[in-house]
PDB file of N, CA and C in Angstrom:
ATOM      1  N   UNK A   1       9.886 -18.546   4.890  1.00  0.00           N
ATOM      2  CA  UNK A   1      10.056 -18.543   3.919  1.00  0.00           C
ATOM      3  C   UNK A   1       8.919 -17.339   3.566  1.00  0.00           C
ATOM      4  N   UNK A   2       9.461 -16.277   2.423  1.00  0.00           N
ATOM      5  CA  UNK A   2       8.602 -15.365   1.937  1.00  0.00           C
ATOM      6  C   UNK A   2       7.743 -15.843   0.847  1.00  0.00           C
ATOM      7  N   UNK A   3       6.838 -15.328   0.153  1.00  0.00           N
ATOM      8  CA  UNK A   3       5.960 -15.503  -0.781  1.00  0.00           C
ATOM      9  C   UNK A   3       5.377 -14.401  -1.355  1.00  0.00           C
ATOM     10  N   UNK A   4       5.247 -13.992  -2.742  1.00  0.00           N
ATOM     11  CA  UNK A   4       4.738 -13.159  -3.740  1.00  0.00           C
ATOM     12  C   UNK A   4       4.086 -13.700  -4.806  1.00  0.00           C
ATOM     13  N   UNK A   5       2.770 -13.016  -4.578  1.00  0.00           N
ATOM     14  CA  UNK A   5       1.882 -13.536  -5.320  1.00  0.00           C
ATOM     15  C   UNK A   5       1.838 -13.008  -6.799  1.00  0.00           C
ATOM     16  N   UNK A   6       0.688 -12.991  -7.419  1.00  0.00           N
ATOM     17  CA  UNK A   6       0.690 -12.468  -8.949  1.00  0.00           C
ATOM     18  C   UNK A   6       0.703 -11.097  -9.173  1.00  0.00           C
ATOM     19  N   UNK A   7       1.202 -10.351  -9.779  1.00  0.00           N
ATOM     20  CA  UNK A   7       0.916  -9.209 -10.395  1.00  0.00           C
ATOM     21  C   UNK A   7       1.134  -7.982  -9.299  1.00  0.00           C
ATOM     22  N   UNK A   8       2.095  -8.363  -8.357  1.00  0.00           N
ATOM     23  CA  UNK A   8       2.877  -7.635  -7.274  1.00  0.00           C
ATOM     24  C   UNK A   8       3.887  -6.742  -8.082  1.00  0.00           C
ATOM     25  N   UNK A   9       3.997  -5.582  -7.467  1.00  0.00           N
ATOM     26  CA  UNK A   9       4.826  -4.529  -7.867  1.00  0.00           C
ATOM     27  C   UNK A   9       5.645  -4.031  -6.939  1.00  0.00           C
ATOM     28  N   UNK A  10       7.024  -3.970  -7.009  1.00  0.00           N
ATOM     29  CA  UNK A  10       7.700  -3.707  -5.868  1.00  0.00           C
ATOM     30  C   UNK A  10       9.041  -2.696  -6.251  1.00  0.00           C
ATOM     31  N   UNK A  11       8.570  -1.491  -6.086  1.00  0.00           N
ATOM     32  CA  UNK A  11       9.544  -0.270  -6.324  1.00  0.00           C
ATOM     33  C   UNK A  11      10.901  -0.434  -5.931  1.00  0.00           C
ATOM     34  N   UNK A  12      11.766   0.534  -6.587  1.00  0.00           N
ATOM     35  CA  UNK A  12      13.091   0.462  -6.352  1.00  0.00           C
ATOM     36  C   UNK A  12      13.320   1.001  -5.011  1.00  0.00           C
ATOM     37  N   UNK A  13      14.151   0.206  -4.079  1.00  0.00           N
ATOM     38  CA  UNK A  13      14.640   0.847  -3.112  1.00  0.00           C
ATOM     39  C   UNK A  13      13.864   0.566  -1.507  1.00  0.00           C
ATOM     40  N   UNK A  14      12.920  -0.731  -1.754  1.00  0.00           N
ATOM     41  CA  UNK A  14      12.355  -1.128  -1.022  1.00  0.00           C
ATOM     42  C   UNK A  14      12.922  -1.701   0.099  1.00  0.00           C
ATOM     43  N   UNK A  15      12.654  -2.133   1.147  1.00  0.00           N
ATOM     44  CA  UNK A  15      13.544  -2.933   1.902  1.00  0.00           C
ATOM     45  C   UNK A  15      12.445  -3.757   2.539  1.00  0.00           C
ATOM     46  N   UNK A  16      12.530  -5.201   2.481  1.00  0.00           N
ATOM     47  CA  UNK A  16      11.494  -6.050   2.432  1.00  0.00           C
ATOM     48  C   UNK A  16      12.104  -7.235   3.882  1.00  0.00           C
ATOM     49  N   UNK A  17      11.359  -7.535   4.854  1.00  0.00           N
ATOM     50  CA  UNK A  17      12.020  -8.484   6.107  1.00  0.00           C
ATOM     51  C   UNK A  17      11.769  -9.923   5.624  1.00  0.00           C
ATOM     52  N   UNK A  18      12.308 -10.677   6.203  1.00  0.00           N
ATOM     53  CA  UNK A  18      11.923 -11.981   6.281  1.00  0.00           C
ATOM     54  C   UNK A  18      10.736 -12.325   6.547  1.00  0.00           C
ATOM     55  N   UNK A  19      10.263 -13.410   5.924  1.00  0.00           N
ATOM     56  CA  UNK A  19       9.122 -13.945   6.063  1.00  0.00           C
ATOM     57  C   UNK A  19       7.860 -13.140   5.647  1.00  0.00           C
ATOM     58  N   UNK A  20       8.026 -12.255   4.540  1.00  0.00           N
ATOM     59  CA  UNK A  20       7.091 -11.428   4.164  1.00  0.00           C
ATOM     60  C   UNK A  20       5.882 -12.329   3.244  1.00  0.00           C
ATOM     61  N   UNK A  21       4.856 -12.149   3.054  1.00  0.00           N
ATOM     62  CA  UNK A  21       3.808 -12.604   2.394  1.00  0.00           C
ATOM     63  C   UNK A  21       3.205 -11.474   1.448  1.00  0.00           C
ATOM     64  N   UNK A  22       3.167 -11.307   0.225  1.00  0.00           N
ATOM     65  CA  UNK A  22       2.381 -10.535  -0.788  1.00  0.00           C
ATOM     66  C   UNK A  22       1.093 -11.363  -1.439  1.00  0.00           C
ATOM     67  N   UNK A  23       0.334 -11.029  -1.267  1.00  0.00           N
ATOM     68  CA  UNK A  23      -0.753 -11.636  -2.250  1.00  0.00           C
ATOM     69  C   UNK A  23      -0.776 -10.865  -3.451  1.00  0.00           C
ATOM     70  N   UNK A  24      -1.449 -11.340  -4.048  1.00  0.00           N
ATOM     71  CA  UNK A  24      -1.857 -10.965  -5.585  1.00  0.00           C
ATOM     72  C   UNK A  24      -2.367  -9.610  -5.395  1.00  0.00           C
ATOM     73  N   UNK A  25      -1.860  -8.919  -6.755  1.00  0.00           N
ATOM     74  CA  UNK A  25      -2.059  -7.488  -7.151  1.00  0.00           C
ATOM     75  C   UNK A  25      -1.933  -6.174  -5.971  1.00  0.00           C
ATOM     76  N   UNK A  26      -0.746  -6.487  -5.279  1.00  0.00           N
ATOM     77  CA  UNK A  26      -0.024  -5.618  -4.107  1.00  0.00           C
ATOM     78  C   UNK A  26       0.868  -5.121  -4.647  1.00  0.00           C
ATOM     79  N   UNK A  27       0.735  -3.642  -4.330  1.00  0.00           N
ATOM     80  CA  UNK A  27       1.830  -2.387  -4.712  1.00  0.00           C
ATOM     81  C   UNK A  27       2.762  -2.076  -3.666  1.00  0.00           C
ATOM     82  N   UNK A  28       4.057  -2.051  -4.064  1.00  0.00           N
ATOM     83  CA  UNK A  28       4.580  -1.558  -2.857  1.00  0.00           C
ATOM     84  C   UNK A  28       5.650  -0.300  -3.168  1.00  0.00           C
ATOM     85  N   UNK A  29       5.498   0.768  -2.855  1.00  0.00           N
ATOM     86  CA  UNK A  29       6.336   1.895  -3.262  1.00  0.00           C
ATOM     87  C   UNK A  29       7.896   2.129  -2.985  1.00  0.00           C
ATOM     88  N   UNK A  30       8.336   2.894  -3.954  1.00  0.00           N
ATOM     89  CA  UNK A  30       9.718   3.097  -3.390  1.00  0.00           C
ATOM     90  C   UNK A  30      10.174   3.593  -1.949  1.00  0.00           C
ATOM     91  N   UNK A  31      11.235   2.995  -1.835  1.00  0.00           N
ATOM     92  CA  UNK A  31      11.576   3.116  -0.172  1.00  0.00           C
ATOM     93  C   UNK A  31      11.233   2.736   0.850  1.00  0.00           C
ATOM     94  N   UNK A  32       9.838   1.771   0.769  1.00  0.00           N
ATOM     95  CA  UNK A  32       9.292   1.174   1.639  1.00  0.00           C
ATOM     96  C   UNK A  32      10.143   0.157   2.508  1.00  0.00           C
ATOM     97  N   UNK A  33       9.744   0.475   3.919  1.00  0.00           N
ATOM     98  CA  UNK A  33      10.362  -0.545   4.570  1.00  0.00           C
ATOM     99  C   UNK A  33       9.581  -1.178   5.610  1.00  0.00           C
ATOM    100  N   UNK A  34       9.769  -2.741   5.145  1.00  0.00           N
ATOM    101  CA  UNK A  34       8.566  -3.665   6.183  1.00  0.00           C
ATOM    102  C   UNK A  34       9.317  -4.872   6.758  1.00  0.00           C
ATOM    103  N   UNK A  35       9.087  -4.771   8.128  1.00  0.00           N
ATOM    104  CA  UNK A  35       9.635  -5.962   8.920  1.00  0.00           C
ATOM    105  C   UNK A  35       9.528  -7.219   8.543  1.00  0.00           C
ATOM    106  N   UNK A  36      10.275  -8.205   9.532  1.00  0.00           N
ATOM    107  CA  UNK A  36       9.802  -9.197   9.163  1.00  0.00           C
ATOM    108  C   UNK A  36       8.317  -9.809   9.833  1.00  0.00           C
ATOM    109  N   UNK A  37       7.927 -10.861   8.812  1.00  0.00           N
ATOM    110  CA  UNK A  37       6.467 -11.651   9.462  1.00  0.00           C
ATOM    111  C   UNK A  37       5.758 -10.666   8.754  1.00  0.00           C
ATOM    112  N   UNK A  38       5.571  -9.913   8.095  1.00  0.00           N
ATOM    113  CA  UNK A  38       4.842  -8.990   7.375  1.00  0.00           C
ATOM    114  C   UNK A  38       3.700  -9.533   6.537  1.00  0.00           C
ATOM    115  N   UNK A  39       2.522  -9.188   6.734  1.00  0.00           N
ATOM    116  CA  UNK A  39       1.415  -9.926   5.348  1.00  0.00           C
ATOM    117  C   UNK A  39       0.663  -8.884   5.168  1.00  0.00           C
ATOM    118  N   UNK A  40       0.673  -8.702   3.452  1.00  0.00           N
ATOM    119  CA  UNK A  40       0.090  -7.698   2.669  1.00  0.00           C
ATOM    120  C   UNK A  40      -0.613  -8.564   1.966  1.00  0.00           C
ATOM    121  N   UNK A  41      -2.475  -8.151   2.095  1.00  0.00           N
ATOM    122  CA  UNK A  41      -2.980  -9.213   1.799  1.00  0.00           C
ATOM    123  C   UNK A  41      -3.675  -8.574   0.093  1.00  0.00           C
ATOM    124  N   UNK A  42      -4.497  -9.134  -0.747  1.00  0.00           N
ATOM    125  CA  UNK A  42      -4.869  -8.642  -2.194  1.00  0.00           C
ATOM    126  C   UNK A  42      -5.351  -7.391  -2.328  1.00  0.00           C
ATOM    127  N   UNK A  43      -4.597  -6.672  -3.352  1.00  0.00           N
ATOM    128  CA  UNK A  43      -5.240  -5.536  -3.794  1.00  0.00           C
ATOM    129  C   UNK A  43      -4.509  -4.139  -2.818  1.00  0.00           C
ATOM    130  N   UNK A  44      -3.943  -4.694  -2.225  1.00  0.00           N
ATOM    131  CA  UNK A  44      -3.448  -3.446  -1.121  1.00  0.00           C
ATOM    132  C   UNK A  44      -2.071  -2.292  -2.165  1.00  0.00           C
ATOM    133  N   UNK A  45      -1.961  -1.663  -1.472  1.00  0.00           N
ATOM    134  CA  UNK A  45      -1.117  -0.596  -1.887  1.00  0.00           C
ATOM    135  C   UNK A  45      -0.168   0.300  -0.496  1.00  0.00           C
ATOM    136  N   UNK A  46       1.148   0.317  -0.508  1.00  0.00           N
ATOM    137  CA  UNK A  46       1.909   0.694   0.416  1.00  0.00           C
ATOM    138  C   UNK A  46       2.604   1.965  -0.356  1.00  0.00           C
ATOM    139  N   UNK A  47       2.122   3.428   0.336  1.00  0.00           N
ATOM    140  CA  UNK A  47       2.886   4.373  -0.512  1.00  0.00           C
ATOM    141  C   UNK A  47       4.598   4.483  -0.029  1.00  0.00           C
ATOM    142  N   UNK A  48       4.812   5.302  -0.877  1.00  0.00           N
ATOM    143  CA  UNK A  48       6.486   5.991  -0.495  1.00  0.00           C
ATOM    144  C   UNK A  48       6.900   5.643   0.454  1.00  0.00           C
ATOM    145  N   UNK A  49       8.153   5.394   0.723  1.00  0.00           N
ATOM    146  CA  UNK A  49       8.624   5.681   2.222  1.00  0.00           C
ATOM    147  C   UNK A  49       7.896   5.188   3.349  1.00  0.00           C
ATOM    148  N   UNK A  50       6.936   4.598   3.445  1.00  0.00           N
ATOM    149  CA  UNK A  50       6.174   4.237   4.441  1.00  0.00           C
ATOM    150  C   UNK A  50       6.782   2.857   5.197  1.00  0.00           C
ATOM    151  N   UNK A  51       6.700   3.068   6.467  1.00  0.00           N
ATOM    152  CA  UNK A  51       7.483   1.837   7.456  1.00  0.00           C
ATOM    153  C   UNK A  51       6.236   0.875   7.936  1.00  0.00           C
ATOM    154  N   UNK A  52       6.306  -0.265   7.834  1.00  0.00           N
ATOM    155  CA  UNK A  52       5.456  -1.498   8.398  1.00  0.00           C
ATOM    156  C   UNK A  52       6.274  -1.814   9.153  1.00  0.00           C
ATOM    157  N   UNK A  53       6.001  -2.212  10.759  1.00  0.00           N
ATOM    158  CA  UNK A  53       6.945  -2.733  11.624  1.00  0.00           C
ATOM    159  C   UNK A  53       6.232  -4.214  11.677  1.00  0.00           C
ATOM    160  N   UNK A  54       7.203  -4.817  12.071  1.00  0.00           N
ATOM    161  CA  UNK A  54       7.468  -6.558  12.216  1.00  0.00           C
ATOM    162  C   UNK A  54       6.005  -7.034  12.587  1.00  0.00           C
ATOM    163  N   UNK A  55       5.532  -8.293  12.364  1.00  0.00           N
ATOM    164  CA  UNK A  55       4.455  -8.908  12.485  1.00  0.00           C
ATOM    165  C   UNK A  55       2.970  -8.260  12.294  1.00  0.00           C
ATOM    166  N   UNK A  56       3.029  -7.280  11.232  1.00  0.00           N
ATOM    167  CA  UNK A  56       1.682  -6.307  11.066  1.00  0.00           C
ATOM    168  C   UNK A  56       1.337  -7.020   9.819  1.00  0.00           C
ATOM    169  N   UNK A  57      -0.120  -7.126   9.565  1.00  0.00           N
ATOM    170  CA  UNK A  57      -1.181  -7.949   8.547  1.00  0.00           C
ATOM    171  C   UNK A  57      -1.706  -6.296   7.842  1.00  0.00           C
ATOM    172  N   UNK A  58      -1.534  -5.457   6.561  1.00  0.00           N
ATOM    173  CA  UNK A  58      -2.468  -5.089   6.116  1.00  0.00           C
ATOM    174  C   UNK A  58      -3.517  -5.916   5.513  1.00  0.00           C
ATOM    175  N   UNK A  59      -4.488  -5.215   5.460  1.00  0.00           N
ATOM    176  CA  UNK A  59      -6.039  -5.996   4.983  1.00  0.00           C
ATOM    177  C   UNK A  59      -5.987  -5.780   3.387  1.00  0.00           C
ATOM    178  N   UNK A  60      -7.136  -6.350   3.310  1.00  0.00           N
ATOM    179  CA  UNK A  60      -7.239  -6.547   1.446  1.00  0.00           C
ATOM    180  C   UNK A  60      -7.922  -4.877   1.156  1.00  0.00           C
ATOM    181  N   UNK A  61      -7.182  -4.736  -0.064  1.00  0.00           N
ATOM    182  CA  UNK A  61      -7.367  -3.390  -0.362  1.00  0.00           C
ATOM    183  C   UNK A  61      -7.518  -2.129   0.136  1.00  0.00           C
ATOM    184  N   UNK A  62      -6.451  -2.160   1.323  1.00  0.00           N
ATOM    185  CA  UNK A  62      -5.990  -1.184   2.306  1.00  0.00           C
ATOM    186  C   UNK A  62      -4.747  -0.164   1.452  1.00  0.00           C
ATOM    187  N   UNK A  63      -4.885   1.204   1.907  1.00  0.00           N
ATOM    188  CA  UNK A  63      -4.208   1.846   1.463  1.00  0.00           C
ATOM    189  C   UNK A  63      -3.457   2.649   2.661  1.00  0.00           C
ATOM    190  N   UNK A  64      -1.909   2.612   2.391  1.00  0.00           N
ATOM    191  CA  UNK A  64      -0.954   2.801   3.622  1.00  0.00           C
ATOM    192  C   UNK A  64      -0.430   4.072   2.802  1.00  0.00           C
ATOM    193  N   UNK A  65      -0.433   5.513   3.054  1.00  0.00           N
ATOM    194  CA  UNK A  65      -0.069   6.883   2.848  1.00  0.00           C
ATOM    195  C   UNK A  65       1.209   6.719   2.410  1.00  0.00           C
ATOM    196  N   UNK A  66       2.081   7.745   1.908  1.00  0.00           N
ATOM    197  CA  UNK A  66       3.251   7.824   1.921  1.00  0.00           C
ATOM    198  C   UNK A  66       3.909   8.203   2.988  1.00  0.00           C
ATOM    199  N   UNK A  67       4.986   7.782   3.994  1.00  0.00           N
ATOM    200  CA  UNK A  67       5.682   8.176   4.886  1.00  0.00           C
ATOM    201  C   UNK A  67       5.038   7.729   5.995  1.00  0.00           C
ATOM    202  N   UNK A  68       3.866   6.842   6.180  1.00  0.00           N
ATOM    203  CA  UNK A  68       3.450   6.301   7.288  1.00  0.00           C
ATOM    204  C   UNK A  68       3.876   5.430   8.183  1.00  0.00           C
ATOM    205  N   UNK A  69       3.751   5.582   9.283  1.00  0.00           N
ATOM    206  CA  UNK A  69       4.328   4.315   9.821  1.00  0.00           C
ATOM    207  C   UNK A  69       3.167   3.523  10.760  1.00  0.00           C
ATOM    208  N   UNK A  70       3.443   2.263  10.353  1.00  0.00           N
ATOM    209  CA  UNK A  70       2.162   1.385  10.665  1.00  0.00           C
ATOM    210  C   UNK A  70       2.665   0.635  11.730  1.00  0.00           C
ATOM    211  N   UNK A  71       2.022   0.802  13.247  1.00  0.00           N
ATOM    212  CA  UNK A  71       2.063   0.145  14.098  1.00  0.00           C
ATOM    213  C   UNK A  71       1.381  -0.859  14.540  1.00  0.00           C
ATOM    214  N   UNK A  72       0.059  -0.971  14.053  1.00  0.00           N
ATOM    215  CA  UNK A  72      -0.727  -1.971  14.139  1.00  0.00           C
ATOM    216  C   UNK A  72      -1.512  -2.491  13.040  1.00  0.00           C
ATOM    217  N   UNK A  73      -1.945  -3.587  13.224  1.00  0.00           N
ATOM    218  CA  UNK A  73      -2.601  -4.502  11.924  1.00  0.00           C
ATOM    219  C   UNK A  73      -3.295  -3.129  11.074  1.00  0.00           C
ATOM    220  N   UNK A  74      -3.745  -3.226   9.944  1.00  0.00           N
ATOM    221  CA  UNK A  74      -4.625  -2.175   9.302  1.00  0.00           C
ATOM    222  C   UNK A  74      -6.018  -3.512   8.618  1.00  0.00           C
ATOM    223  N   UNK A  75      -7.246  -2.629   9.078  1.00  0.00           N
ATOM    224  CA  UNK A  75      -8.159  -3.562   8.367  1.00  0.00           C
ATOM    225  C   UNK A  75      -8.715  -3.423   6.917  1.00  0.00           C
ATOM    226  N   UNK A  76      -9.426  -4.609   6.737  1.00  0.00           N
ATOM    227  CA  UNK A  76      -9.569  -4.284   5.019  1.00  0.00           C
ATOM    228  C   UNK A  76     -10.310  -3.055   4.528  1.00  0.00           C
ATOM    229  N   UNK A  77     -10.038  -2.542   3.108  1.00  0.00           N
ATOM    230  CA  UNK A  77     -10.683  -1.311   2.816  1.00  0.00           C
ATOM    231  C   UNK A  77     -10.655   0.018   3.393  1.00  0.00           C
ATOM    232  N   UNK A  78      -9.423  -0.039   4.121  1.00  0.00           N
ATOM    233  CA  UNK A  78      -8.906   1.210   4.873  1.00  0.00           C
ATOM    234  C   UNK A  78      -7.773   2.111   4.255  1.00  0.00           C
ATOM    235  N   UNK A  79      -7.960   3.616   4.340  1.00  0.00           N
ATOM    236  CA  UNK A  79      -6.890   4.083   4.240  1.00  0.00           C
ATOM    237  C   UNK A  79      -5.991   4.788   5.401  1.00  0.00           C
ATOM    238  N   UNK A  80      -4.838   4.524   5.560  1.00  0.00           N
ATOM    239  CA  UNK A  80      -4.280   4.859   6.862  1.00  0.00           C
ATOM    240  C   UNK A  80      -2.852   5.802   6.580  1.00  0.00           C
ATOM    241  N   UNK A  81      -2.815   6.845   7.295  1.00  0.00           N
ATOM    242  CA  UNK A  81      -2.054   7.688   7.267  1.00  0.00           C
ATOM    243  C   UNK A  81      -0.883   8.202   8.468  1.00  0.00           C
ATOM    244  N   UNK A  82       0.008   8.834   8.633  1.00  0.00           N
ATOM    245  CA  UNK A  82       0.737   9.732   9.671  1.00  0.00           C
ATOM    246  C   UNK A  82       1.296   8.310  10.531  1.00  0.00           C
ATOM    247  N   UNK A  83       2.100   9.258  11.483  1.00  0.00           N
ATOM    248  CA  UNK A  83       3.250   8.248  12.297  1.00  0.00           C
ATOM    249  C   UNK A  83       2.640   8.743  13.742  1.00  0.00           C
ATOM    250  N   UNK A  84       1.641   7.720  14.392  1.00  0.00           N
ATOM    251  CA  UNK A  84       1.812   6.563  14.146  1.00  0.00           C
ATOM    252  C   UNK A  84       0.524   6.453  12.833  1.00  0.00           C
ATOM    253  N   UNK A  85       0.343   5.265  12.061  1.00  0.00           N
ATOM    254  CA  UNK A  85      -0.818   5.317  11.303  1.00  0.00           C
ATOM    255  C   UNK A  85      -1.899   5.327  11.578  1.00  0.00           C
ATOM    256  N   UNK A  86      -2.885   6.252  11.243  1.00  0.00           N
ATOM    257  CA  UNK A  86      -4.429   5.988  11.525  1.00  0.00           C
ATOM    258  C   UNK A  86      -5.496   6.171  10.658  1.00  0.00           C
ATOM    259  N   UNK A  87      -6.468   5.471  10.615  1.00  0.00           N
ATOM    260  CA  UNK A  87      -7.438   5.307   9.924  1.00  0.00           C
ATOM    261  C   UNK A  87      -7.756   6.455   9.355  1.00  0.00           C
ATOM    262  N   UNK A  88      -7.984   7.082   8.452  1.00  0.00           N
ATOM    263  CA  UNK A  88      -8.544   8.271   7.728  1.00  0.00           C
ATOM    264  C   UNK A  88     -10.194   8.354   6.934  1.00  0.00           C
ATOM    265  N   UNK A  89      -9.963   6.971   6.298  1.00  0.00           N
ATOM    266  CA  UNK A  89     -11.252   6.539   5.534  1.00  0.00           C
ATOM    267  C   UNK A  89     -11.580   4.828   5.746  1.00  0.00           C
ATOM    268  N   UNK A  90     -12.423   4.543   5.196  1.00  0.00           N
ATOM    269  CA  UNK A  90     -12.756   3.227   5.265  1.00  0.00           C
ATOM    270  C   UNK A  90     -13.798   3.431   3.755  1.00  0.00           C
ATOM    271  N   UNK A  91     -13.273   2.279   3.012  1.00  0.00           N
ATOM    272  CA  UNK A  91     -13.934   2.609   1.747  1.00  0.00           C
ATOM    273  C   UNK A  91     -14.526   1.452   1.297  1.00  0.00           C
TER     274      UNK A  91
END
Protein backbone atom coordinates (compact mmCIF):
# COMPACT_ATOMS: atom_id res chain seq x y z
CA UNK A 1 0.00 0.00 0.00
CA UNK A 2 1.31 3.45 -0.91
CA UNK A 3 1.11 6.53 1.31
CA UNK A 4 1.37 10.22 0.48
CA UNK A 5 1.91 12.81 3.22
CA UNK A 6 0.71 16.40 3.49
CA UNK A 7 1.85 19.15 1.12
CA UNK A 8 3.35 16.75 -1.41
CA UNK A 9 3.81 17.90 -5.02
CA UNK A 10 3.84 15.33 -7.81
CA UNK A 11 4.46 16.90 -11.22
CA UNK A 12 3.12 15.61 -14.52
CA UNK A 13 4.60 12.60 -16.20
CA UNK A 14 5.91 11.06 -12.98
CA UNK A 15 5.83 7.25 -12.87
CA UNK A 16 5.62 6.04 -9.29
CA UNK A 17 5.87 2.36 -8.34
CA UNK A 18 3.95 0.26 -5.84
CA UNK A 19 4.32 0.54 -2.06
CA UNK A 20 5.65 4.09 -2.40
CA UNK A 21 5.95 6.22 0.75
CA UNK A 22 6.13 9.99 0.37
CA UNK A 23 6.41 11.85 3.68
CA UNK A 24 5.33 15.48 4.22
CA UNK A 25 6.64 18.37 2.07
CA UNK A 26 8.11 16.13 -0.66
CA UNK A 27 8.42 17.40 -4.23
CA UNK A 28 8.55 15.04 -7.22
CA UNK A 29 9.66 16.71 -10.45
CA UNK A 30 8.23 16.11 -13.92
CA UNK A 31 9.15 12.83 -15.58
CA UNK A 32 10.54 11.20 -12.43
CA UNK A 33 10.50 7.39 -12.38
CA UNK A 34 10.49 5.66 -9.00
CA UNK A 35 10.50 1.88 -8.64
CA UNK A 36 8.51 -0.10 -6.12
CA UNK A 37 9.02 0.13 -2.37
CA UNK A 38 10.69 3.58 -2.49
CA UNK A 39 10.58 5.86 0.57
CA UNK A 40 11.09 9.63 0.29
CA UNK A 41 11.38 11.31 3.68
CA UNK A 42 10.26 14.79 4.84
CA UNK A 43 11.29 17.83 2.82
CA UNK A 44 13.10 16.01 0.03
CA UNK A 45 13.08 16.96 -3.63
CA UNK A 46 13.56 14.71 -6.66
CA UNK A 47 14.51 16.68 -9.79
CA UNK A 48 13.18 16.42 -13.32
CA UNK A 49 13.70 13.09 -15.05
CA UNK A 50 15.50 11.41 -12.16
CA UNK A 51 15.25 7.64 -11.75
CA UNK A 52 15.06 6.01 -8.32
CA UNK A 53 15.58 2.25 -8.38
CA UNK A 54 13.36 -0.07 -6.27
CA UNK A 55 13.73 -0.35 -2.49
CA UNK A 56 15.65 2.92 -2.10
CA UNK A 57 15.24 5.44 0.74
CA UNK A 58 15.79 9.15 0.10
CA UNK A 59 16.65 10.79 3.44
CA UNK A 60 15.15 13.90 5.04
CA UNK A 61 15.78 17.21 3.22
CA UNK A 62 17.78 15.47 0.49
CA UNK A 63 17.96 16.74 -3.09
CA UNK A 64 18.22 14.42 -6.09
CA UNK A 65 19.46 16.35 -9.12
CA UNK A 66 17.72 16.35 -12.49
CA UNK A 67 18.45 13.23 -14.50
CA UNK A 68 20.20 11.43 -11.64
CA UNK A 69 19.98 7.65 -11.35
CA UNK A 70 19.74 6.69 -7.68
CA UNK A 71 21.11 3.18 -7.11
CA UNK A 72 21.58 3.27 -3.33
CA UNK A 73 20.06 5.02 -0.31
CA UNK A 74 20.59 8.77 0.00
CA UNK A 75 21.45 10.04 3.52
CA UNK A 76 19.64 12.95 5.19
CA UNK A 77 20.60 16.49 4.09
CA UNK A 78 22.60 15.45 1.01
CA UNK A 79 22.62 16.55 -2.61
CA UNK A 80 23.18 13.76 -5.16
CA UNK A 81 23.68 14.02 -8.92
CA UNK A 82 24.85 11.88 -11.81
CA UNK A 83 24.57 8.33 -13.10
CA UNK A 84 24.97 6.60 -10.75
CA UNK A 85 24.04 9.31 -8.26
CA UNK A 86 26.88 10.45 -6.00
CA UNK A 87 26.89 12.84 -3.05
CA UNK A 88 28.27 16.23 -4.05
CA UNK A 89 27.24 18.21 -0.99
CA UNK A 90 26.06 17.66 2.56
CA UNK A 91 23.86 20.42 3.87
